[in-house]
Amino acid sequence: MFRYVLRRLLGAIPTLLLIITGSFFLMRVAPGGPFDRERTLEPTVMENLNRVFHLDKPLYEQFFYYLGNLMRGDMGPSFIYRDFTVAELLAAGLPVSMKLGALALLLALVMGGVLGCIAALRQNTWIDYAVIATATFGITVPNFVLAPLLALIFGVWLSWLPAGGWNNGAAPNLVLPVIALALPQVAVVARLIRGAMIEALRSDHVRTARAYGLPTRMIVVTHALRAACLPAVSYLGPAAAALLTGSIVIEQIFGLPGIGRYFVTGALNRDYTLVMGTVIIVAVFVVLFNLIVDILYAALDPRVRYD
């Protein structure tokens, strides 16, 4: 297992390098620059700014200069937030995004698992059809549409929950963002668990357990649920990626001080280093989550072995 993990981590280096290279040059291709304003700066001021941030050099030299600093752990200064480095901004925003994503992932697994199991145990009944309809709704409606609706209904019309803001991570401020971020994943997990649970309940070892007269609860929890969890575990990697990228939109809608706000602000203002730092953080988390998923899959399924 150790050799497998080491190989995966070493194999992630070319992937990250490709992501960094593509993001770097795509940002530079976009029209505009970090110092473009409605009021044009004096040529001397613009020249000094470009020289300080090495924007006066050829593009390939800028890339190798950035890559060299990145290998030393330096993501550079922010062009927009002049008093902060990119590392300082991400260090302040990352805990917010991680808390939001972790709660959304936990909610998706718990609610999706429960709904999927209920639908499988009540197959072809109105409960099953209701779960499928709800899951279909959750998959088809994107969270950037759902989030404003939740804020409007529960935050503005009913005034049950705050429509936005962080308030030091208070629970009422987290409810709507977490639900908006988790609902599409709840729907996917529910459908995965339902299909896998139906297949598991029809397997030979479950039929044997029923023939021996074991209680239904023991059969479901001990025998069927473990097999039904495998598709959901496999989906954790893509789900984590979806939550990380989706949180960028959710944080902007609800005004949360996570890395999503910095990504949007940086992209709009051509803050190259800030956008690059956000992309790198998201890419690293996606790689790590996929590795963790592979390890969990091997732990749940004894037939899987990594050499």
C-alpha atoms as a PDB file:
ATOM      1  CA  MET A   1       0.000   0.000   0.000  1.00  0.00           C
ATOM      2  CA  PHE A   2       2.825   2.408   0.858  1.00  0.00           C
ATOM      3  CA  ARG A   3       4.436   1.913  -2.538  1.00  0.00           C
ATOM      4  CA  TYR A   4       1.092   2.465  -4.241  1.00  0.00           C
ATOM      5  CA  VAL A   5       0.502   5.734  -2.359  1.00  0.00           C
ATOM      6  CA  LEU A   6       4.038   6.877  -3.158  1.00  0.00           C
ATOM      7  CA  ARG A   7       3.557   6.096  -6.852  1.00  0.00           C
ATOM      8  CA  ARG A   8       0.265   7.987  -6.925  1.00  0.00           C
ATOM      9  CA  LEU A   9       1.797  11.028  -5.261  1.00  0.00           C
ATOM     10  CA  LEU A  10       4.736  11.026  -7.667  1.00  0.00           C
ATOM     11  CA  GLY A  11       2.364  10.520 -10.594  1.00  0.00           C
ATOM     12  CA  ALA A  12       0.351  13.542  -9.462  1.00  0.00           C
ATOM     13  CA  ILE A  13       3.319  15.853 -10.056  1.00  0.00           C
ATOM     14  CA  PRO A  14       3.010  15.854 -13.905  1.00  0.00           C
ATOM     15  CA  THR A  15      -0.751  16.340 -13.560  1.00  0.00           C
ATOM     16  CA  LEU A  16      -0.317  19.364 -11.327  1.00  0.00           C
ATOM     17  CA  LEU A  17       2.392  20.742 -13.602  1.00  0.00           C
ATOM     18  CA  LEU A  18       0.071  20.441 -16.594  1.00  0.00           C
ATOM     19  CA  ILE A  19      -2.728  22.221 -14.683  1.00  0.00           C
ATOM     20  CA  ILE A  20      -0.359  25.003 -13.611  1.00  0.00           C
ATOM     21  CA  THR A  21       0.962  25.453 -17.142  1.00  0.00           C
ATOM     22  CA  GLY A  22      -2.478  25.527 -18.739  1.00  0.00           C
ATOM     23  CA  SER A  23      -3.892  27.923 -16.142  1.00  0.00           C
ATOM     24  CA  PHE A  24      -0.907  30.251 -16.375  1.00  0.00           C
ATOM     25  CA  PHE A  25      -1.063  30.725 -20.137  1.00  0.00           C
ATOM     26  CA  LEU A  26      -4.870  30.809 -20.311  1.00  0.00           C
ATOM     27  CA  MET A  27      -4.903  33.642 -17.780  1.00  0.00           C
ATOM     28  CA  ARG A  28      -2.416  35.599 -19.874  1.00  0.00           C
ATOM     29  CA  VAL A  29      -4.395  35.010 -23.084  1.00  0.00           C
ATOM     30  CA  ALA A  30      -7.503  36.641 -21.582  1.00  0.00           C
ATOM     31  CA  PRO A  31      -7.867  40.305 -22.575  1.00  0.00           C
ATOM     32  CA  GLY A  32      -6.983  42.997 -20.079  1.00  0.00           C
ATOM     33  CA  GLY A  33      -4.428  43.115 -17.316  1.00  0.00           C
ATOM     34  CA  PRO A  34      -4.178  43.514 -13.547  1.00  0.00           C
ATOM     35  CA  PHE A  35      -3.515  47.243 -13.781  1.00  0.00           C
ATOM     36  CA  ASP A  36      -6.149  48.194 -16.347  1.00  0.00           C
ATOM     37  CA  ARG A  37      -8.455  50.823 -14.892  1.00  0.00           C
ATOM     38  CA  GLU A  38     -11.120  53.192 -16.132  1.00  0.00           C
ATOM     39  CA  ARG A  39      -8.570  55.922 -15.644  1.00  0.00           C
ATOM     40  CA  THR A  40      -5.388  55.041 -17.489  1.00  0.00           C
ATOM     41  CA  LEU A  41      -2.266  55.178 -15.337  1.00  0.00           C
ATOM     42  CA  GLU A  42       0.686  57.308 -16.278  1.00  0.00           C
ATOM     43  CA  PRO A  43       3.103  55.479 -18.593  1.00  0.00           C
ATOM     44  CA  THR A  44       5.902  55.791 -16.040  1.00  0.00           C
ATOM     45  CA  VAL A  45       3.722  54.320 -13.277  1.00  0.00           C
ATOM     46  CA  MET A  46       2.577  51.474 -15.539  1.00  0.00           C
ATOM     47  CA  GLU A  47       6.166  50.734 -16.515  1.00  0.00           C
ATOM     48  CA  ASN A  48       7.255  50.599 -12.878  1.00  0.00           C
ATOM     49  CA  LEU A  49       4.387  48.314 -11.921  1.00  0.00           C
ATOM     50  CA  ASN A  50       5.132  45.936 -14.774  1.00  0.00           C
ATOM     51  CA  ARG A  51       8.794  45.871 -13.804  1.00  0.00           C
ATOM     52  CA  VAL A  52       8.071  45.214 -10.112  1.00  0.00           C
ATOM     53  CA  PHE A  53       5.736  42.307 -10.901  1.00  0.00           C
ATOM     54  CA  HIS A  54       7.946  41.028 -13.780  1.00  0.00           C
ATOM     55  CA  LEU A  55       5.198  41.591 -16.336  1.00  0.00           C
ATOM     56  CA  ASP A  56       7.623  43.355 -18.643  1.00  0.00           C
ATOM     57  CA  LYS A  57       9.470  40.115 -19.387  1.00  0.00           C
ATOM     58  CA  PRO A  58       8.554  37.632 -22.131  1.00  0.00           C
ATOM     59  CA  LEU A  59       5.786  35.237 -21.249  1.00  0.00           C
ATOM     60  CA  TYR A  60       7.996  32.162 -21.020  1.00  0.00           C
ATOM     61  CA  GLU A  61      10.339  33.977 -18.622  1.00  0.00           C
ATOM     62  CA  GLN A  62       7.365  34.959 -16.462  1.00  0.00           C
ATOM     63  CA  PHE A  63       6.291  31.314 -16.368  1.00  0.00           C
ATOM     64  CA  PHE A  64       9.674  29.953 -15.296  1.00  0.00           C
ATOM     65  CA  TYR A  65      10.030  32.739 -12.743  1.00  0.00           C
ATOM     66  CA  TYR A  66       6.629  31.858 -11.260  1.00  0.00           C
ATOM     67  CA  LEU A  67       7.395  28.132 -11.338  1.00  0.00           C
ATOM     68  CA  GLY A  68      10.701  28.673  -9.555  1.00  0.00           C
ATOM     69  CA  ASN A  69       9.029  30.686  -6.799  1.00  0.00           C
ATOM     70  CA  LEU A  70       6.249  28.105  -6.513  1.00  0.00           C
ATOM     71  CA  MET A  71       8.766  25.303  -5.960  1.00  0.00           C
ATOM     72  CA  ARG A  72      10.050  27.295  -2.989  1.00  0.00           C
ATOM     73  CA  GLY A  73       6.508  27.650  -1.624  1.00  0.00           C
ATOM     74  CA  ASP A  74       6.084  31.268  -2.740  1.00  0.00           C
ATOM     75  CA  MET A  75       2.839  31.936  -4.618  1.00  0.00           C
ATOM     76  CA  GLY A  76       3.704  35.576  -5.022  1.00  0.00           C
ATOM     77  CA  PRO A  77       1.963  38.796  -4.038  1.00  0.00           C
ATOM     78  CA  SER A  78      -1.607  39.639  -4.913  1.00  0.00           C
ATOM     79  CA  PHE A  79      -2.003  42.324  -7.567  1.00  0.00           C
ATOM     80  CA  ILE A  80      -5.323  43.525  -6.136  1.00  0.00           C
ATOM     81  CA  TYR A  81      -4.880  43.033  -2.389  1.00  0.00           C
ATOM     82  CA  ARG A  82      -1.596  44.909  -2.291  1.00  0.00           C
ATOM     83  CA  ASP A  83      -0.907  44.384   1.429  1.00  0.00           C
ATOM     84  CA  PHE A  84      -1.242  40.584   1.295  1.00  0.00           C
ATOM     85  CA  THR A  85       0.478  37.692  -0.373  1.00  0.00           C
ATOM     86  CA  VAL A  86      -1.520  34.974  -2.094  1.00  0.00           C
ATOM     87  CA  ALA A  87      -0.514  32.488   0.610  1.00  0.00           C
ATOM     88  CA  GLU A  88      -1.904  34.778   3.327  1.00  0.00           C
ATOM     89  CA  LEU A  89      -5.211  35.232   1.499  1.00  0.00           C
ATOM     90  CA  LEU A  90      -5.621  31.515   0.885  1.00  0.00           C
ATOM     91  CA  ALA A  91      -4.693  30.687   4.469  1.00  0.00           C
ATOM     92  CA  ALA A  92      -7.497  32.990   5.630  1.00  0.00           C
ATOM     93  CA  GLY A  93     -10.104  31.717   3.156  1.00  0.00           C
ATOM     94  CA  LEU A  94      -9.294  28.001   3.024  1.00  0.00           C
ATOM     95  CA  PRO A  95     -10.709  27.104   6.487  1.00  0.00           C
ATOM     96  CA  VAL A  96     -14.040  28.642   5.480  1.00  0.00           C
ATOM     97  CA  SER A  97     -14.191  26.663   2.232  1.00  0.00           C
ATOM     98  CA  MET A  98     -13.076  23.453   3.929  1.00  0.00           C
ATOM     99  CA  LYS A  99     -15.715  23.784   6.639  1.00  0.00           C
ATOM    100  CA  LEU A 100     -18.431  24.462   4.087  1.00  0.00           C
ATOM    101  CA  GLY A 101     -17.314  21.585   1.851  1.00  0.00           C
ATOM    102  CA  ALA A 102     -16.914  19.096   4.718  1.00  0.00           C
ATOM    103  CA  LEU A 103     -20.398  19.814   6.069  1.00  0.00           C
ATOM    104  CA  ALA A 104     -21.904  19.575   2.583  1.00  0.00           C
ATOM    105  CA  LEU A 105     -20.131  16.276   1.909  1.00  0.00           C
ATOM    106  CA  LEU A 106     -21.253  14.844   5.258  1.00  0.00           C
ATOM    107  CA  LEU A 107     -24.839  15.922   4.599  1.00  0.00           C
ATOM    108  CA  ALA A 108     -24.734  14.430   1.107  1.00  0.00           C
ATOM    109  CA  LEU A 109     -23.462  11.065   2.346  1.00  0.00           C
ATOM    110  CA  VAL A 110     -25.871  10.799   5.282  1.00  0.00           C
ATOM    111  CA  MET A 111     -29.016  12.032   3.549  1.00  0.00           C
ATOM    112  CA  GLY A 112     -28.202  10.345   0.248  1.00  0.00           C
ATOM    113  CA  GLY A 113     -27.435   7.070   1.990  1.00  0.00           C
ATOM    114  CA  VAL A 114     -30.623   7.113   4.044  1.00  0.00           C
ATOM    115  CA  LEU A 115     -32.834   8.043   1.090  1.00  0.00           C
ATOM    116  CA  GLY A 116     -31.177   5.465  -1.142  1.00  0.00           C
ATOM    117  CA  CYS A 117     -31.632   2.680   1.409  1.00  0.00           C
ATOM    118  CA  ILE A 118     -35.279   3.591   2.009  1.00  0.00           C
ATOM    119  CA  ALA A 119     -35.985   3.657  -1.723  1.00  0.00           C
ATOM    120  CA  ALA A 120     -34.298   0.267  -2.224  1.00  0.00           C
ATOM    121  CA  LEU A 121     -36.188  -1.363   0.653  1.00  0.00           C
ATOM    122  CA  ARG A 122     -39.481   0.082  -0.657  1.00  0.00           C
ATOM    123  CA  GLN A 123     -38.814  -0.559  -4.325  1.00  0.00           C
ATOM    124  CA  ASN A 124     -41.633   0.261  -6.773  1.00  0.00           C
ATOM    125  CA  THR A 125     -43.716   1.959  -4.083  1.00  0.00           C
ATOM    126  CA  TRP A 126     -44.672   5.613  -3.800  1.00  0.00           C
ATOM    127  CA  ILE A 127     -41.726   6.133  -1.435  1.00  0.00           C
ATOM    128  CA  ASP A 128     -39.325   4.843  -4.071  1.00  0.00           C
ATOM    129  CA  TYR A 129     -40.893   7.035  -6.751  1.00  0.00           C
ATOM    130  CA  ALA A 130     -40.771  10.085  -4.460  1.00  0.00           C
ATOM    131  CA  VAL A 131     -37.059   9.549  -3.752  1.00  0.00           C
ATOM    132  CA  ILE A 132     -36.300   9.131  -7.468  1.00  0.00           C
ATOM    133  CA  ALA A 133     -38.273  12.278  -8.336  1.00  0.00           C
ATOM    134  CA  THR A 134     -36.510  14.277  -5.621  1.00  0.00           C
ATOM    135  CA  ALA A 135     -33.130  12.974  -6.752  1.00  0.00           C
ATOM    136  CA  THR A 136     -33.872  13.886 -10.356  1.00  0.00           C
ATOM    137  CA  PHE A 137     -34.854  17.384  -9.273  1.00  0.00           C
ATOM    138  CA  GLY A 138     -31.659  17.747  -7.255  1.00  0.00           C
ATOM    139  CA  ILE A 139     -29.485  16.644 -10.167  1.00  0.00           C
ATOM    140  CA  THR A 140     -31.135  18.826 -12.806  1.00  0.00           C
ATOM    141  CA  VAL A 141     -31.294  22.077 -10.795  1.00  0.00           C
ATOM    142  CA  PRO A 142     -27.780  23.555 -10.404  1.00  0.00           C
ATOM    143  CA  ASN A 143     -26.769  25.030  -7.062  1.00  0.00           C
ATOM    144  CA  PHE A 144     -26.265  28.509  -8.513  1.00  0.00           C
ATOM    145  CA  VAL A 145     -30.013  28.511  -9.246  1.00  0.00           C
ATOM    146  CA  LEU A 146     -30.985  26.844  -5.983  1.00  0.00           C
ATOM    147  CA  ALA A 147     -28.884  29.118  -3.747  1.00  0.00           C
ATOM    148  CA  PRO A 148     -30.641  32.423  -4.622  1.00  0.00           C
ATOM    149  CA  LEU A 149     -34.033  30.706  -4.270  1.00  0.00           C
ATOM    150  CA  LEU A 150     -33.158  29.423  -0.792  1.00  0.00           C
ATOM    151  CA  ALA A 151     -31.862  32.846   0.232  1.00  0.00           C
ATOM    152  CA  LEU A 152     -35.001  34.517  -1.129  1.00  0.00           C
ATOM    153  CA  ILE A 153     -37.492  32.116   0.476  1.00  0.00           C
ATOM    154  CA  PHE A 154     -35.910  31.352   3.851  1.00  0.00           C
ATOM    155  CA  GLY A 155     -33.796  34.467   4.256  1.00  0.00           C
ATOM    156  CA  VAL A 156     -35.940  37.273   2.832  1.00  0.00           C
ATOM    157  CA  TRP A 157     -39.568  36.152   2.752  1.00  0.00           C
ATOM    158  CA  LEU A 158     -39.726  33.957   5.846  1.00  0.00           C
ATOM    159  CA  SER A 159     -36.733  35.462   7.709  1.00  0.00           C
ATOM    160  CA  TRP A 160     -35.949  32.105   9.299  1.00  0.00           C
ATOM    161  CA  LEU A 161     -32.251  32.120   8.452  1.00  0.00           C
ATOM    162  CA  PRO A 162     -29.644  34.706   7.426  1.00  0.00           C
ATOM    163  CA  ALA A 163     -29.629  35.299   3.676  1.00  0.00           C
ATOM    164  CA  GLY A 164     -25.863  35.761   3.672  1.00  0.00           C
ATOM    165  CA  GLY A 165     -22.775  36.586   5.668  1.00  0.00           C
ATOM    166  CA  TRP A 166     -20.324  34.504   7.685  1.00  0.00           C
ATOM    167  CA  ASN A 167     -20.687  35.742  11.295  1.00  0.00           C
ATOM    168  CA  ASN A 168     -17.628  33.722  12.410  1.00  0.00           C
ATOM    169  CA  GLY A 169     -19.106  30.490  11.138  1.00  0.00           C
ATOM    170  CA  ALA A 170     -22.292  30.585  13.225  1.00  0.00           C
ATOM    171  CA  ALA A 171     -24.618  27.654  12.560  1.00  0.00           C
ATOM    172  CA  PRO A 172     -27.564  29.713  11.194  1.00  0.00           C
ATOM    173  CA  ASN A 173     -25.287  31.276   8.583  1.00  0.00           C
ATOM    174  CA  LEU A 174     -24.134  27.853   7.396  1.00  0.00           C
ATOM    175  CA  VAL A 175     -27.510  26.175   6.898  1.00  0.00           C
ATOM    176  CA  LEU A 176     -28.497  27.642   3.528  1.00  0.00           C
ATOM    177  CA  PRO A 177     -25.026  27.492   1.902  1.00  0.00           C
ATOM    178  CA  VAL A 178     -24.506  23.892   3.005  1.00  0.00           C
ATOM    179  CA  ILE A 179     -27.936  22.807   1.731  1.00  0.00           C
ATOM    180  CA  ALA A 180     -27.460  24.592  -1.598  1.00  0.00           C
ATOM    181  CA  LEU A 181     -24.028  23.014  -2.035  1.00  0.00           C
ATOM    182  CA  ALA A 182     -25.009  19.526  -0.889  1.00  0.00           C
ATOM    183  CA  LEU A 183     -28.395  18.983  -2.562  1.00  0.00           C
ATOM    184  CA  PRO A 184     -27.069  17.936  -6.015  1.00  0.00           C
ATOM    185  CA  GLN A 185     -24.672  15.502  -4.335  1.00  0.00           C
ATOM    186  CA  VAL A 186     -27.469  14.164  -2.103  1.00  0.00           C
ATOM    187  CA  ALA A 187     -29.403  13.308  -5.244  1.00  0.00           C
ATOM    188  CA  VAL A 188     -26.479  11.514  -6.886  1.00  0.00           C
ATOM    189  CA  VAL A 189     -25.566   9.547  -3.748  1.00  0.00           C
ATOM    190  CA  ALA A 190     -29.207   8.517  -3.243  1.00  0.00           C
ATOM    191  CA  ARG A 191     -29.454   7.111  -6.759  1.00  0.00           C
ATOM    192  CA  LEU A 192     -26.126   5.293  -6.422  1.00  0.00           C
ATOM    193  CA  ILE A 193     -27.023   3.764  -3.064  1.00  0.00           C
ATOM    194  CA  ARG A 194     -30.486   2.764  -4.264  1.00  0.00           C
ATOM    195  CA  GLY A 195     -29.168   0.891  -7.296  1.00  0.00           C
ATOM    196  CA  ALA A 196     -26.343  -0.778  -5.383  1.00  0.00           C
ATOM    197  CA  MET A 197     -28.624  -1.721  -2.477  1.00  0.00           C
ATOM    198  CA  ILE A 198     -31.175  -3.348  -4.790  1.00  0.00           C
ATOM    199  CA  GLU A 199     -28.397  -5.387  -6.391  1.00  0.00           C
ATOM    200  CA  ALA A 200     -26.956  -6.324  -2.990  1.00  0.00           C
ATOM    201  CA  LEU A 201     -30.331  -7.449  -1.646  1.00  0.00           C
ATOM    202  CA  ARG A 202     -30.667  -9.810  -4.611  1.00  0.00           C
ATOM    203  CA  SER A 203     -27.219 -11.362  -4.138  1.00  0.00           C
ATOM    204  CA  ASP A 204     -26.762 -14.984  -3.101  1.00  0.00           C
ATOM    205  CA  HIS A 205     -25.250 -14.349   0.335  1.00  0.00           C
ATOM    206  CA  VAL A 206     -28.149 -12.061   1.300  1.00  0.00           C
ATOM    207  CA  ARG A 207     -30.647 -14.694   0.176  1.00  0.00           C
ATOM    208  CA  THR A 208     -28.786 -17.227   2.275  1.00  0.00           C
ATOM    209  CA  ALA A 209     -28.926 -14.922   5.301  1.00  0.00           C
ATOM    210  CA  ARG A 210     -32.681 -14.545   4.828  1.00  0.00           C
ATOM    211  CA  ALA A 211     -33.074 -18.298   4.535  1.00  0.00           C
ATOM    212  CA  TYR A 212     -31.383 -18.666   7.920  1.00  0.00           C
ATOM    213  CA  GLY A 213     -33.989 -16.325   9.376  1.00  0.00           C
ATOM    214  CA  LEU A 214     -31.743 -13.363  10.196  1.00  0.00           C
ATOM    215  CA  PRO A 215     -33.616 -10.115  10.955  1.00  0.00           C
ATOM    216  CA  THR A 216     -34.003  -7.698   8.066  1.00  0.00           C
ATOM    217  CA  ARG A 217     -32.172  -4.944   9.956  1.00  0.00           C
ATOM    218  CA  MET A 218     -29.139  -7.184  10.488  1.00  0.00           C
ATOM    219  CA  ILE A 219     -29.144  -8.272   6.851  1.00  0.00           C
ATOM    220  CA  VAL A 220     -29.285  -4.701   5.593  1.00  0.00           C
ATOM    221  CA  VAL A 221     -26.705  -3.245   7.973  1.00  0.00           C
ATOM    222  CA  THR A 222     -24.251  -6.152   8.119  1.00  0.00           C
ATOM    223  CA  HIS A 223     -24.383  -7.629   4.620  1.00  0.00           C
ATOM    224  CA  ALA A 224     -26.067  -5.368   2.073  1.00  0.00           C
ATOM    225  CA  LEU A 225     -25.011  -1.915   3.188  1.00  0.00           C
ATOM    226  CA  ARG A 226     -21.280  -2.548   2.957  1.00  0.00           C
ATOM    227  CA  ALA A 227     -21.566  -3.651  -0.661  1.00  0.00           C
ATOM    228  CA  ALA A 228     -23.961  -0.806  -1.440  1.00  0.00           C
ATOM    229  CA  CYS A 229     -21.490   1.760  -0.111  1.00  0.00           C
ATOM    230  CA  LEU A 230     -18.828   0.926  -2.701  1.00  0.00           C
ATOM    231  CA  PRO A 231     -20.337   3.018  -5.552  1.00  0.00           C
ATOM    232  CA  ALA A 232     -20.812   5.932  -3.171  1.00  0.00           C
ATOM    233  CA  VAL A 233     -17.191   5.656  -2.025  1.00  0.00           C
ATOM    234  CA  SER A 234     -16.049   5.627  -5.655  1.00  0.00           C
ATOM    235  CA  TYR A 235     -18.036   8.813  -6.206  1.00  0.00           C
ATOM    236  CA  LEU A 236     -16.357  10.637  -3.324  1.00  0.00           C
ATOM    237  CA  GLY A 237     -13.539  11.873  -5.543  1.00  0.00           C
ATOM    238  CA  PRO A 238     -15.780  13.536  -8.167  1.00  0.00           C
ATOM    239  CA  ALA A 239     -18.103  14.715  -5.370  1.00  0.00           C
ATOM    240  CA  ALA A 240     -15.245  16.424  -3.564  1.00  0.00           C
ATOM    241  CA  ALA A 241     -14.208  18.112  -6.816  1.00  0.00           C
ATOM    242  CA  ALA A 242     -17.795  19.235  -7.441  1.00  0.00           C
ATOM    243  CA  LEU A 243     -18.083  20.614  -3.909  1.00  0.00           C
ATOM    244  CA  LEU A 244     -14.803  22.507  -4.206  1.00  0.00           C
ATOM    245  CA  THR A 245     -15.712  24.077  -7.540  1.00  0.00           C
ATOM    246  CA  GLY A 246     -19.344  24.603  -6.541  1.00  0.00           C
ATOM    247  CA  SER A 247     -18.340  26.368  -3.349  1.00  0.00           C
ATOM    248  CA  ILE A 248     -16.790  29.107  -5.478  1.00  0.00           C
ATOM    249  CA  VAL A 249     -20.265  30.085  -6.696  1.00  0.00           C
ATOM    250  CA  ILE A 250     -21.997  29.462  -3.360  1.00  0.00           C
ATOM    251  CA  GLU A 251     -19.496  31.570  -1.431  1.00  0.00           C
ATOM    252  CA  GLN A 252     -19.989  34.436  -3.848  1.00  0.00           C
ATOM    253  CA  ILE A 253     -23.796  34.249  -3.602  1.00  0.00           C
ATOM    254  CA  PHE A 254     -23.898  34.104   0.194  1.00  0.00           C
ATOM    255  CA  GLY A 255     -20.973  36.471   0.739  1.00  0.00           C
ATOM    256  CA  LEU A 256     -18.734  33.955   2.524  1.00  0.00           C
ATOM    257  CA  PRO A 257     -15.022  34.787   2.980  1.00  0.00           C
ATOM    258  CA  GLY A 258     -13.704  31.586   1.409  1.00  0.00           C
ATOM    259  CA  ILE A 259     -11.294  31.034  -1.452  1.00  0.00           C
ATOM    260  CA  GLY A 260     -14.218  31.206  -3.889  1.00  0.00           C
ATOM    261  CA  ARG A 261     -14.540  34.932  -3.292  1.00  0.00           C
ATOM    262  CA  TYR A 262     -10.849  35.424  -4.026  1.00  0.00           C
ATOM    263  CA  PHE A 263     -11.088  33.338  -7.184  1.00  0.00           C
ATOM    264  CA  VAL A 264     -13.980  35.369  -8.591  1.00  0.00           C
ATOM    265  CA  THR A 265     -12.431  38.693  -7.578  1.00  0.00           C
ATOM    266  CA  GLY A 266      -9.071  37.645  -8.981  1.00  0.00           C
ATOM    267  CA  ALA A 267     -10.550  36.476 -12.285  1.00  0.00           C
ATOM    268  CA  LEU A 268     -12.538  39.681 -12.767  1.00  0.00           C
ATOM    269  CA  ASN A 269      -9.550  41.881 -11.965  1.00  0.00           C
ATOM    270  CA  ARG A 270      -6.926  39.722 -13.730  1.00  0.00           C
ATOM    271  CA  ASP A 271      -5.107  39.034 -10.477  1.00  0.00           C
ATOM    272  CA  TYR A 272      -2.944  36.340 -12.035  1.00  0.00           C
ATOM    273  CA  THR A 273      -1.205  35.096  -8.931  1.00  0.00           C
ATOM    274  CA  LEU A 274      -4.404  34.914  -6.856  1.00  0.00           C
ATOM    275  CA  VAL A 275      -6.261  32.903  -9.490  1.00  0.00           C
ATOM    276  CA  MET A 276      -3.272  30.609  -9.943  1.00  0.00           C
ATOM    277  CA  GLY A 277      -3.045  30.011  -6.203  1.00  0.00           C
ATOM    278  CA  THR A 278      -6.742  29.089  -6.017  1.00  0.00           C
ATOM    279  CA  VAL A 279      -6.481  26.725  -8.977  1.00  0.00           C
ATOM    280  CA  ILE A 280      -3.459  24.988  -7.453  1.00  0.00           C
ATOM    281  CA  ILE A 281      -5.198  24.519  -4.097  1.00  0.00           C
ATOM    282  CA  VAL A 282      -8.292  23.019  -5.752  1.00  0.00           C
ATOM    283  CA  ALA A 283      -6.164  20.726  -7.936  1.00  0.00           C
ATOM    284  CA  VAL A 284      -4.166  19.455  -4.948  1.00  0.00           C
ATOM    285  CA  PHE A 285      -7.335  18.694  -3.000  1.00  0.00           C
ATOM    286  CA  VAL A 286      -8.865  16.824  -5.947  1.00  0.00           C
ATOM    287  CA  VAL A 287      -5.735  14.659  -6.296  1.00  0.00           C
ATOM    288  CA  LEU A 288      -5.652  13.918  -2.559  1.00  0.00           C
ATOM    289  CA  PHE A 289      -9.365  13.087  -2.402  1.00  0.00           C
ATOM    290  CA  ASN A 290      -9.065  10.640  -5.285  1.00  0.00           C
ATOM    291  CA  LEU A 291      -6.161   8.943  -3.512  1.00  0.00           C
ATOM    292  CA  ILE A 292      -8.144   8.711  -0.258  1.00  0.00           C
ATOM    293  CA  VAL A 293     -11.098   7.236  -2.185  1.00  0.00           C
ATOM    294  CA  ASP A 294      -8.896   4.496  -3.639  1.00  0.00           C
ATOM    295  CA  ILE A 295      -7.595   3.614  -0.168  1.00  0.00           C
ATOM    296  CA  LEU A 296     -11.125   3.521   1.302  1.00  0.00           C
ATOM    297  CA  TYR A 297     -12.320   1.343  -1.566  1.00  0.00           C
ATOM    298  CA  ALA A 298      -9.607  -1.208  -0.826  1.00  0.00           C
ATOM    299  CA  ALA A 299     -10.519  -1.148   2.880  1.00  0.00           C
ATOM    300  CA  LEU A 300     -14.205  -1.840   2.159  1.00  0.00           C
ATOM    301  CA  ASP A 301     -13.710  -4.427  -0.575  1.00  0.00           C
ATOM    302  CA  PRO A 302     -11.251  -7.194   0.396  1.00  0.00           C
ATOM    303  CA  ARG A 303     -10.998  -8.261  -3.251  1.00  0.00           C
ATOM    304  CA  VAL A 304      -9.186  -5.015  -4.127  1.00  0.00           C
ATOM    305  CA  ARG A 305      -5.460  -4.963  -3.526  1.00  0.00           C
ATOM    306  CA  TYR A 306      -2.900  -2.316  -4.447  1.00  0.00           C
ATOM    307  CA  ASP A 307       0.702  -3.377  -4.926  1.00  0.00           C
END
